[in-house]
Amino acid sequence: MVKQLIVFLIIIALAVAVMVYYHENTESPFDGEAFFGPKERPAEPSPSPQNKRP
């Protein structure tokens, strides 16, 4: 009985490890442009300061 439990827990641990490895090494579909549309680039900072004080 105990040997069967150990084998079962090892199989579950391996399955979880494989799923975590797959999750970490694949891109999220929610980051793709097909899901949210084209990504907007942030505005370029202007060369002169915007808050000029006399």
Protein backbone atom coordinates (compact mmCIF):
# COMPACT_ATOMS: atom_id res chain seq x y z
CA MET A 1 0.00 0.00 0.00
CA VAL A 2 2.75 2.45 0.94
CA LYS A 3 4.77 1.55 -2.16
CA GLN A 4 1.76 2.31 -4.37
CA LEU A 5 1.33 5.69 -2.67
CA ILE A 6 5.01 6.56 -3.23
CA VAL A 7 4.77 5.61 -6.93
CA PHE A 8 1.55 7.63 -7.30
CA LEU A 9 3.12 10.71 -5.68
CA ILE A 10 6.21 10.43 -7.89
CA ILE A 11 4.02 10.28 -11.01
CA ILE A 12 2.02 13.31 -9.86
CA ALA A 13 5.24 15.24 -9.09
CA LEU A 14 6.63 14.45 -12.56
CA ALA A 15 3.38 15.52 -14.23
CA VAL A 16 3.41 18.83 -12.33
CA ALA A 17 7.08 19.39 -13.19
CA VAL A 18 6.38 18.83 -16.90
CA MET A 19 3.42 21.24 -16.83
CA VAL A 20 5.45 23.92 -15.03
CA TYR A 21 8.30 23.52 -17.53
CA TYR A 22 5.87 23.85 -20.45
CA HIS A 23 4.20 26.90 -18.89
CA GLU A 24 7.49 28.67 -18.27
CA ASN A 25 8.84 28.03 -21.78
CA THR A 26 5.85 29.01 -23.93
CA GLU A 27 4.61 32.48 -24.77
CA SER A 28 1.31 33.61 -23.34
CA PRO A 29 -1.40 33.91 -26.00
CA PHE A 30 -2.72 36.97 -24.16
CA ASP A 31 0.45 38.91 -25.06
CA GLY A 32 -0.10 38.43 -28.80
CA GLU A 33 -1.32 41.18 -31.11
CA ALA A 34 -4.10 38.92 -32.40
CA PHE A 35 -5.75 39.03 -28.97
CA PHE A 36 -5.35 42.70 -27.96
CA GLY A 37 -4.49 44.36 -31.26
CA PRO A 38 -1.26 46.13 -32.15
CA LYS A 39 0.88 47.25 -29.25
CA GLU A 40 1.29 50.98 -28.87
CA ARG A 41 4.73 52.35 -28.33
CA PRO A 42 5.20 54.90 -25.55
CA ALA A 43 5.75 58.48 -26.67
CA GLU A 44 9.35 59.52 -27.12
CA PRO A 45 10.54 61.94 -24.43
CA SER A 46 11.01 65.44 -25.71
CA PRO A 47 14.58 66.80 -25.69
CA SER A 48 13.62 69.93 -23.73
CA PRO A 49 12.01 69.93 -20.26
CA GLN A 50 8.26 70.53 -20.33
CA ASN A 51 7.92 72.35 -17.02
CA LYS A 52 9.93 75.51 -17.50
CA ARG A 53 9.78 77.98 -14.66
CA PRO A 54 10.87 81.60 -15.13
